[in-house]
Amino acid sequence: MSLTVLLVEDEQLVGTMVRMNLESAGYQVVWSRRGDEALSRATSDPFDLILLDIGLSGMDGIEILKSLRQKRIGTPIMMLTARGDVGTKVQALEMGADDYLPKPFDVAEMIARVNALVRRSQADREIPSSHVFKFDRYEVNLQTREAVTNEGKTLLSEKEATLVKLLVRSRGQVLSRSDILEEVWGMDVAPTERTVDNFILRLRKLFEPDQERPCHILTVRGVGYRFVV
């Protein structure tokens, strides 16, 4: 069964080129040209990946990204946009984007990044459902990204789930912010150490009985973080 990509792009030439190359790579493509229409589709229909422009009519891509992550929709999202400034890139990554590719871009690189995101997402789903990590009153399903948190049952984003996996795998060890950046984001997307801190704050909100006095995700001053059970 072919994998389905939601392409959100209002430029006819770019959209046609991206759709043609994705279809040649074996993907089924649903193309939305308006932001509000794209949000409705992404909320109601399952997709394996979303390619999201920022400058859109109806609703911009940053608003769509924010809304999807607030709704706990964890579909991998790659920003595909003419806005290549660091500030916009960091904002998108901190809001839960999984990758960011500025225009103009190389088509071969775009396809390689799409394949990598989908492959990682599919691999996560192949983990046996018995791979459920429990601690305190919380639990995380490493297959589905479903979690029992302070907010009830929650679907973690791809980046949140990847960070949880890293913390679980390295529990008891001190992880520097640069270690976390390299492991979770990769070094080619240039997030900042502040990005790590923001994600840690989010996880503490989900998994700490008292996020002001954390007992699981501990700060190691001047270094990074350590996860203890």
C-alpha atoms as a PDB file:
ATOM      1  CA  MET A   1       0.000   0.000   0.000  1.00  0.00           C
ATOM      2  CA  SER A   2       1.402   3.419  -1.002  1.00  0.00           C
ATOM      3  CA  LEU A   3       2.149   6.037   1.618  1.00  0.00           C
ATOM      4  CA  THR A   4       0.184   9.277   1.521  1.00  0.00           C
ATOM      5  CA  VAL A   5       1.674  12.772   1.744  1.00  0.00           C
ATOM      6  CA  LEU A   6      -0.328  15.938   2.357  1.00  0.00           C
ATOM      7  CA  LEU A   7       1.327  18.687   0.302  1.00  0.00           C
ATOM      8  CA  VAL A   8       0.398  22.190   1.459  1.00  0.00           C
ATOM      9  CA  GLU A   9       1.680  24.621  -1.168  1.00  0.00           C
ATOM     10  CA  ASP A  10       0.025  27.576  -2.932  1.00  0.00           C
ATOM     11  CA  GLU A  11       2.575  28.066  -5.725  1.00  0.00           C
ATOM     12  CA  GLN A  12       1.426  26.174  -8.822  1.00  0.00           C
ATOM     13  CA  LEU A  13       4.893  25.557 -10.262  1.00  0.00           C
ATOM     14  CA  VAL A  14       6.447  24.396  -6.982  1.00  0.00           C
ATOM     15  CA  GLY A  15       3.433  22.266  -6.069  1.00  0.00           C
ATOM     16  CA  THR A  16       3.367  20.569  -9.470  1.00  0.00           C
ATOM     17  CA  MET A  17       7.094  19.823  -9.304  1.00  0.00           C
ATOM     18  CA  VAL A  18       6.930  18.448  -5.760  1.00  0.00           C
ATOM     19  CA  ARG A  19       3.852  16.323  -6.455  1.00  0.00           C
ATOM     20  CA  MET A  20       5.335  14.901  -9.656  1.00  0.00           C
ATOM     21  CA  ASN A  21       8.566  13.888  -7.940  1.00  0.00           C
ATOM     22  CA  LEU A  22       6.814  12.437  -4.875  1.00  0.00           C
ATOM     23  CA  GLU A  23       4.536  10.368  -7.111  1.00  0.00           C
ATOM     24  CA  SER A  24       7.575   9.181  -9.070  1.00  0.00           C
ATOM     25  CA  ALA A  25       9.071   8.077  -5.734  1.00  0.00           C
ATOM     26  CA  GLY A  26       5.957   5.993  -5.021  1.00  0.00           C
ATOM     27  CA  TYR A  27       3.929   8.306  -2.773  1.00  0.00           C
ATOM     28  CA  GLN A  28       0.279   9.182  -3.090  1.00  0.00           C
ATOM     29  CA  VAL A  29      -0.086  12.964  -2.877  1.00  0.00           C
ATOM     30  CA  VAL A  30      -3.018  15.054  -1.653  1.00  0.00           C
ATOM     31  CA  TRP A  31      -2.427  18.695  -2.573  1.00  0.00           C
ATOM     32  CA  SER A  32      -4.005  21.561  -0.621  1.00  0.00           C
ATOM     33  CA  ARG A  33      -3.405  25.149  -1.729  1.00  0.00           C
ATOM     34  CA  ARG A  34      -5.119  26.931   1.178  1.00  0.00           C
ATOM     35  CA  GLY A  35      -4.060  26.796   4.817  1.00  0.00           C
ATOM     36  CA  ASP A  36      -7.532  26.446   6.322  1.00  0.00           C
ATOM     37  CA  GLU A  37      -8.368  23.605   3.920  1.00  0.00           C
ATOM     38  CA  ALA A  38      -5.078  21.874   4.750  1.00  0.00           C
ATOM     39  CA  LEU A  39      -5.727  22.056   8.494  1.00  0.00           C
ATOM     40  CA  SER A  40      -9.154  20.477   8.008  1.00  0.00           C
ATOM     41  CA  ARG A  41      -7.668  17.648   5.916  1.00  0.00           C
ATOM     42  CA  ALA A  42      -4.765  17.027   8.310  1.00  0.00           C
ATOM     43  CA  THR A  43      -7.148  16.898  11.254  1.00  0.00           C
ATOM     44  CA  SER A  44      -9.699  14.560   9.714  1.00  0.00           C
ATOM     45  CA  ASP A  45      -7.646  12.240   7.461  1.00  0.00           C
ATOM     46  CA  PRO A  46      -4.567  10.098   8.258  1.00  0.00           C
ATOM     47  CA  PHE A  47      -1.326  10.975   6.451  1.00  0.00           C
ATOM     48  CA  ASP A  48       2.162   9.508   6.625  1.00  0.00           C
ATOM     49  CA  LEU A  49       3.818  12.915   6.164  1.00  0.00           C
ATOM     50  CA  ILE A  50       2.891  16.579   5.772  1.00  0.00           C
ATOM     51  CA  LEU A  51       4.931  18.943   3.572  1.00  0.00           C
ATOM     52  CA  LEU A  52       3.989  22.408   4.792  1.00  0.00           C
ATOM     53  CA  ASP A  53       4.631  25.821   3.268  1.00  0.00           C
ATOM     54  CA  ILE A  54       4.411  28.887   5.532  1.00  0.00           C
ATOM     55  CA  GLY A  55       3.089  31.683   3.296  1.00  0.00           C
ATOM     56  CA  LEU A  56      -0.455  30.498   2.571  1.00  0.00           C
ATOM     57  CA  SER A  57      -3.877  32.040   2.146  1.00  0.00           C
ATOM     58  CA  GLY A  58      -6.538  31.255   4.737  1.00  0.00           C
ATOM     59  CA  MET A  59      -4.016  30.338   7.464  1.00  0.00           C
ATOM     60  CA  ASP A  60      -0.224  30.373   7.445  1.00  0.00           C
ATOM     61  CA  GLY A  61       1.905  27.295   7.932  1.00  0.00           C
ATOM     62  CA  ILE A  62       3.125  28.239  11.408  1.00  0.00           C
ATOM     63  CA  GLU A  63      -0.490  28.500  12.598  1.00  0.00           C
ATOM     64  CA  ILE A  64      -1.265  25.108  11.031  1.00  0.00           C
ATOM     65  CA  LEU A  65       1.765  23.525  12.695  1.00  0.00           C
ATOM     66  CA  LYS A  66       0.831  24.999  16.080  1.00  0.00           C
ATOM     67  CA  SER A  67      -2.785  23.876  15.765  1.00  0.00           C
ATOM     68  CA  LEU A  68      -1.881  20.306  14.763  1.00  0.00           C
ATOM     69  CA  ARG A  69       0.565  19.873  17.628  1.00  0.00           C
ATOM     70  CA  GLN A  70      -1.915  21.357  20.101  1.00  0.00           C
ATOM     71  CA  LYS A  71      -4.426  18.769  18.885  1.00  0.00           C
ATOM     72  CA  ARG A  72      -1.736  16.127  19.585  1.00  0.00           C
ATOM     73  CA  ILE A  73      -1.579  15.086  15.927  1.00  0.00           C
ATOM     74  CA  GLY A  74       1.878  13.532  15.649  1.00  0.00           C
ATOM     75  CA  THR A  75       2.169  13.166  11.858  1.00  0.00           C
ATOM     76  CA  PRO A  76       5.747  13.988  10.740  1.00  0.00           C
ATOM     77  CA  ILE A  77       5.868  17.534   9.347  1.00  0.00           C
ATOM     78  CA  MET A  78       8.531  18.967   7.048  1.00  0.00           C
ATOM     79  CA  MET A  79       8.440  22.717   6.490  1.00  0.00           C
ATOM     80  CA  LEU A  80       9.037  23.526   2.816  1.00  0.00           C
ATOM     81  CA  THR A  81       9.252  27.301   2.597  1.00  0.00           C
ATOM     82  CA  ALA A  82      10.977  30.331   1.135  1.00  0.00           C
ATOM     83  CA  ARG A  83      11.604  31.644   4.652  1.00  0.00           C
ATOM     84  CA  GLY A  84      15.158  30.526   5.351  1.00  0.00           C
ATOM     85  CA  ASP A  85      15.955  32.822   8.272  1.00  0.00           C
ATOM     86  CA  VAL A  86      17.170  31.190  11.475  1.00  0.00           C
ATOM     87  CA  GLY A  87      14.430  32.740  13.620  1.00  0.00           C
ATOM     88  CA  THR A  88      11.581  31.218  11.609  1.00  0.00           C
ATOM     89  CA  LYS A  89      13.395  27.877  11.408  1.00  0.00           C
ATOM     90  CA  VAL A  90      13.921  27.741  15.171  1.00  0.00           C
ATOM     91  CA  GLN A  91      10.309  28.781  15.813  1.00  0.00           C
ATOM     92  CA  ALA A  92       8.996  25.984  13.586  1.00  0.00           C
ATOM     93  CA  LEU A  93      11.258  23.351  15.151  1.00  0.00           C
ATOM     94  CA  GLU A  94      10.314  24.399  18.671  1.00  0.00           C
ATOM     95  CA  MET A  95       6.634  24.128  17.737  1.00  0.00           C
ATOM     96  CA  GLY A  96       7.134  20.521  16.668  1.00  0.00           C
ATOM     97  CA  ALA A  97       8.268  20.502  13.025  1.00  0.00           C
ATOM     98  CA  ASP A  98      10.412  17.455  12.268  1.00  0.00           C
ATOM     99  CA  ASP A  99      12.465  18.991   9.464  1.00  0.00           C
ATOM    100  CA  TYR A 100      12.873  22.312   7.657  1.00  0.00           C
ATOM    101  CA  LEU A 101      13.940  22.697   4.030  1.00  0.00           C
ATOM    102  CA  PRO A 102      14.229  26.247   2.626  1.00  0.00           C
ATOM    103  CA  LYS A 103      13.420  27.081  -0.999  1.00  0.00           C
ATOM    104  CA  PRO A 104      14.998  26.818  -3.461  1.00  0.00           C
ATOM    105  CA  PHE A 105      15.872  23.209  -2.704  1.00  0.00           C
ATOM    106  CA  ASP A 106      17.355  20.252  -4.494  1.00  0.00           C
ATOM    107  CA  VAL A 107      14.651  17.740  -5.429  1.00  0.00           C
ATOM    108  CA  ALA A 108      16.880  14.745  -4.663  1.00  0.00           C
ATOM    109  CA  GLU A 109      17.551  16.134  -1.170  1.00  0.00           C
ATOM    110  CA  MET A 110      13.844  16.723  -0.602  1.00  0.00           C
ATOM    111  CA  ILE A 111      13.000  13.138  -1.551  1.00  0.00           C
ATOM    112  CA  ALA A 112      15.824  11.803   0.642  1.00  0.00           C
ATOM    113  CA  ARG A 113      14.547  13.807   3.629  1.00  0.00           C
ATOM    114  CA  VAL A 114      10.968  12.682   3.011  1.00  0.00           C
ATOM    115  CA  ASN A 115      12.099   9.059   2.824  1.00  0.00           C
ATOM    116  CA  ALA A 116      14.107   9.423   6.037  1.00  0.00           C
ATOM    117  CA  LEU A 117      11.197  10.953   7.978  1.00  0.00           C
ATOM    118  CA  VAL A 118       8.728   8.346   6.773  1.00  0.00           C
ATOM    119  CA  ARG A 119      11.195   5.514   7.382  1.00  0.00           C
ATOM    120  CA  ARG A 120      11.809   6.659  10.947  1.00  0.00           C
ATOM    121  CA  SER A 121       8.090   7.040  11.584  1.00  0.00           C
ATOM    122  CA  GLN A 122       7.343   3.595  10.147  1.00  0.00           C
ATOM    123  CA  ALA A 123      10.160   2.015  12.160  1.00  0.00           C
ATOM    124  CA  ASP A 124       8.705   3.457  15.354  1.00  0.00           C
ATOM    125  CA  ARG A 125       5.385   1.810  14.571  1.00  0.00           C
ATOM    126  CA  GLU A 126       7.067  -1.564  14.088  1.00  0.00           C
ATOM    127  CA  ILE A 127       8.273  -1.689  17.692  1.00  0.00           C
ATOM    128  CA  PRO A 128       6.238  -4.400  19.491  1.00  0.00           C
ATOM    129  CA  SER A 129       3.367  -2.949  21.502  1.00  0.00           C
ATOM    130  CA  SER A 130       4.850  -4.590  24.606  1.00  0.00           C
ATOM    131  CA  HIS A 131       7.481  -1.850  24.503  1.00  0.00           C
ATOM    132  CA  VAL A 132       5.617   0.279  27.000  1.00  0.00           C
ATOM    133  CA  PHE A 133       7.774   2.151  29.471  1.00  0.00           C
ATOM    134  CA  LYS A 134       6.147   2.810  32.847  1.00  0.00           C
ATOM    135  CA  PHE A 135       7.375   4.994  35.685  1.00  0.00           C
ATOM    136  CA  ASP A 136       5.597   6.569  38.614  1.00  0.00           C
ATOM    137  CA  ARG A 137       1.990   6.943  37.436  1.00  0.00           C
ATOM    138  CA  TYR A 138       3.009   7.542  33.834  1.00  0.00           C
ATOM    139  CA  GLU A 139       3.544   5.348  30.796  1.00  0.00           C
ATOM    140  CA  VAL A 140       4.725   5.789  27.213  1.00  0.00           C
ATOM    141  CA  ASN A 141       4.046   3.409  24.327  1.00  0.00           C
ATOM    142  CA  LEU A 142       7.220   3.560  22.220  1.00  0.00           C
ATOM    143  CA  GLN A 143       5.343   2.111  19.251  1.00  0.00           C
ATOM    144  CA  THR A 144       2.389   4.443  18.976  1.00  0.00           C
ATOM    145  CA  ARG A 145       3.711   7.507  20.883  1.00  0.00           C
ATOM    146  CA  GLU A 146       0.609   7.310  23.077  1.00  0.00           C
ATOM    147  CA  ALA A 147       1.282   8.310  26.663  1.00  0.00           C
ATOM    148  CA  VAL A 148      -0.493   8.532  29.995  1.00  0.00           C
ATOM    149  CA  THR A 149       0.449  11.963  31.342  1.00  0.00           C
ATOM    150  CA  ASN A 150      -0.698  14.708  33.666  1.00  0.00           C
ATOM    151  CA  GLU A 151      -2.988  15.775  30.810  1.00  0.00           C
ATOM    152  CA  GLY A 152      -4.539  12.319  30.532  1.00  0.00           C
ATOM    153  CA  LYS A 153      -3.986  10.171  27.450  1.00  0.00           C
ATOM    154  CA  THR A 154      -1.787  12.121  25.051  1.00  0.00           C
ATOM    155  CA  LEU A 155      -0.188  11.540  21.651  1.00  0.00           C
ATOM    156  CA  LEU A 156       3.404  12.741  21.717  1.00  0.00           C
ATOM    157  CA  SER A 157       4.864  14.467  18.679  1.00  0.00           C
ATOM    158  CA  GLU A 158       7.670  12.737  16.804  1.00  0.00           C
ATOM    159  CA  LYS A 159      10.310  14.924  18.446  1.00  0.00           C
ATOM    160  CA  GLU A 160       8.810  14.535  21.942  1.00  0.00           C
ATOM    161  CA  ALA A 161       8.712  10.758  21.515  1.00  0.00           C
ATOM    162  CA  THR A 162      12.287  10.648  20.204  1.00  0.00           C
ATOM    163  CA  LEU A 163      13.462  12.696  23.184  1.00  0.00           C
ATOM    164  CA  VAL A 164      11.607  10.400  25.601  1.00  0.00           C
ATOM    165  CA  LYS A 165      13.246   7.362  23.987  1.00  0.00           C
ATOM    166  CA  LEU A 166      16.667   8.963  24.371  1.00  0.00           C
ATOM    167  CA  LEU A 167      16.012   9.767  28.043  1.00  0.00           C
ATOM    168  CA  VAL A 168      14.734   6.252  28.729  1.00  0.00           C
ATOM    169  CA  ARG A 169      17.644   4.628  26.917  1.00  0.00           C
ATOM    170  CA  SER A 170      20.147   6.809  28.779  1.00  0.00           C
ATOM    171  CA  ARG A 171      18.430   6.858  32.178  1.00  0.00           C
ATOM    172  CA  GLY A 172      20.822   7.631  34.987  1.00  0.00           C
ATOM    173  CA  GLN A 173      23.329   9.182  32.577  1.00  0.00           C
ATOM    174  CA  VAL A 174      23.974  12.886  32.132  1.00  0.00           C
ATOM    175  CA  LEU A 175      23.089  14.108  28.639  1.00  0.00           C
ATOM    176  CA  SER A 176      24.473  17.430  27.457  1.00  0.00           C
ATOM    177  CA  ARG A 177      22.272  19.728  25.402  1.00  0.00           C
ATOM    178  CA  SER A 178      24.543  19.197  22.389  1.00  0.00           C
ATOM    179  CA  ASP A 179      24.176  15.412  22.782  1.00  0.00           C
ATOM    180  CA  ILE A 180      20.397  15.794  22.795  1.00  0.00           C
ATOM    181  CA  LEU A 181      20.450  18.140  19.784  1.00  0.00           C
ATOM    182  CA  GLU A 182      22.548  15.726  17.742  1.00  0.00           C
ATOM    183  CA  GLU A 183      20.497  12.667  18.712  1.00  0.00           C
ATOM    184  CA  VAL A 184      17.005  14.121  18.400  1.00  0.00           C
ATOM    185  CA  TRP A 185      17.299  16.838  15.771  1.00  0.00           C
ATOM    186  CA  GLY A 186      20.466  16.043  13.883  1.00  0.00           C
ATOM    187  CA  MET A 187      23.083  18.687  13.271  1.00  0.00           C
ATOM    188  CA  ASP A 188      21.791  19.880   9.884  1.00  0.00           C
ATOM    189  CA  VAL A 189      18.689  21.740  11.041  1.00  0.00           C
ATOM    190  CA  ALA A 190      20.457  24.164  13.405  1.00  0.00           C
ATOM    191  CA  PRO A 191      18.113  24.399  16.389  1.00  0.00           C
ATOM    192  CA  THR A 192      19.486  26.036  19.526  1.00  0.00           C
ATOM    193  CA  GLU A 193      20.094  24.737  23.024  1.00  0.00           C
ATOM    194  CA  ARG A 194      17.036  26.758  24.015  1.00  0.00           C
ATOM    195  CA  THR A 195      15.034  24.361  21.830  1.00  0.00           C
ATOM    196  CA  VAL A 196      16.126  21.496  24.092  1.00  0.00           C
ATOM    197  CA  ASP A 197      15.155  23.452  27.205  1.00  0.00           C
ATOM    198  CA  ASN A 198      11.694  24.166  25.799  1.00  0.00           C
ATOM    199  CA  PHE A 199      11.097  20.499  25.010  1.00  0.00           C
ATOM    200  CA  ILE A 200      12.282  19.495  28.483  1.00  0.00           C
ATOM    201  CA  LEU A 201       9.811  21.974  29.993  1.00  0.00           C
ATOM    202  CA  ARG A 202       7.073  20.382  27.899  1.00  0.00           C
ATOM    203  CA  LEU A 203       8.002  16.862  29.059  1.00  0.00           C
ATOM    204  CA  ARG A 204       8.100  18.006  32.671  1.00  0.00           C
ATOM    205  CA  LYS A 205       4.600  19.402  32.259  1.00  0.00           C
ATOM    206  CA  LEU A 206       3.504  15.970  31.039  1.00  0.00           C
ATOM    207  CA  PHE A 207       5.535  13.660  33.297  1.00  0.00           C
ATOM    208  CA  GLU A 208       6.424  15.415  36.549  1.00  0.00           C
ATOM    209  CA  PRO A 209       4.117  15.359  39.606  1.00  0.00           C
ATOM    210  CA  ASP A 210       5.437  18.865  40.344  1.00  0.00           C
ATOM    211  CA  GLN A 211       7.134  20.461  37.352  1.00  0.00           C
ATOM    212  CA  GLU A 212       8.586  23.207  39.536  1.00  0.00           C
ATOM    213  CA  ARG A 213      10.438  20.535  41.557  1.00  0.00           C
ATOM    214  CA  PRO A 214      11.135  17.748  39.041  1.00  0.00           C
ATOM    215  CA  CYS A 215      12.033  14.310  40.339  1.00  0.00           C
ATOM    216  CA  HIS A 216      12.422  12.452  37.012  1.00  0.00           C
ATOM    217  CA  ILE A 217      13.923  14.847  34.458  1.00  0.00           C
ATOM    218  CA  LEU A 218      16.653  16.536  36.445  1.00  0.00           C
ATOM    219  CA  THR A 219      18.781  19.525  35.480  1.00  0.00           C
ATOM    220  CA  VAL A 220      22.525  19.037  35.772  1.00  0.00           C
ATOM    221  CA  ARG A 221      23.617  22.642  36.127  1.00  0.00           C
ATOM    222  CA  GLY A 222      25.962  23.832  33.408  1.00  0.00           C
ATOM    223  CA  VAL A 223      25.775  20.508  31.557  1.00  0.00           C
ATOM    224  CA  GLY A 224      22.336  19.239  30.606  1.00  0.00           C
ATOM    225  CA  TYR A 225      19.807  16.754  31.935  1.00  0.00           C
ATOM    226  CA  ARG A 226      19.529  13.351  33.599  1.00  0.00           C
ATOM    227  CA  PHE A 227      16.493  11.071  33.665  1.00  0.00           C
ATOM    228  CA  VAL A 228      15.874   9.015  36.788  1.00  0.00           C
ATOM    229  CA  VAL A 229      13.072   6.618  37.707  1.00  0.00           C
END
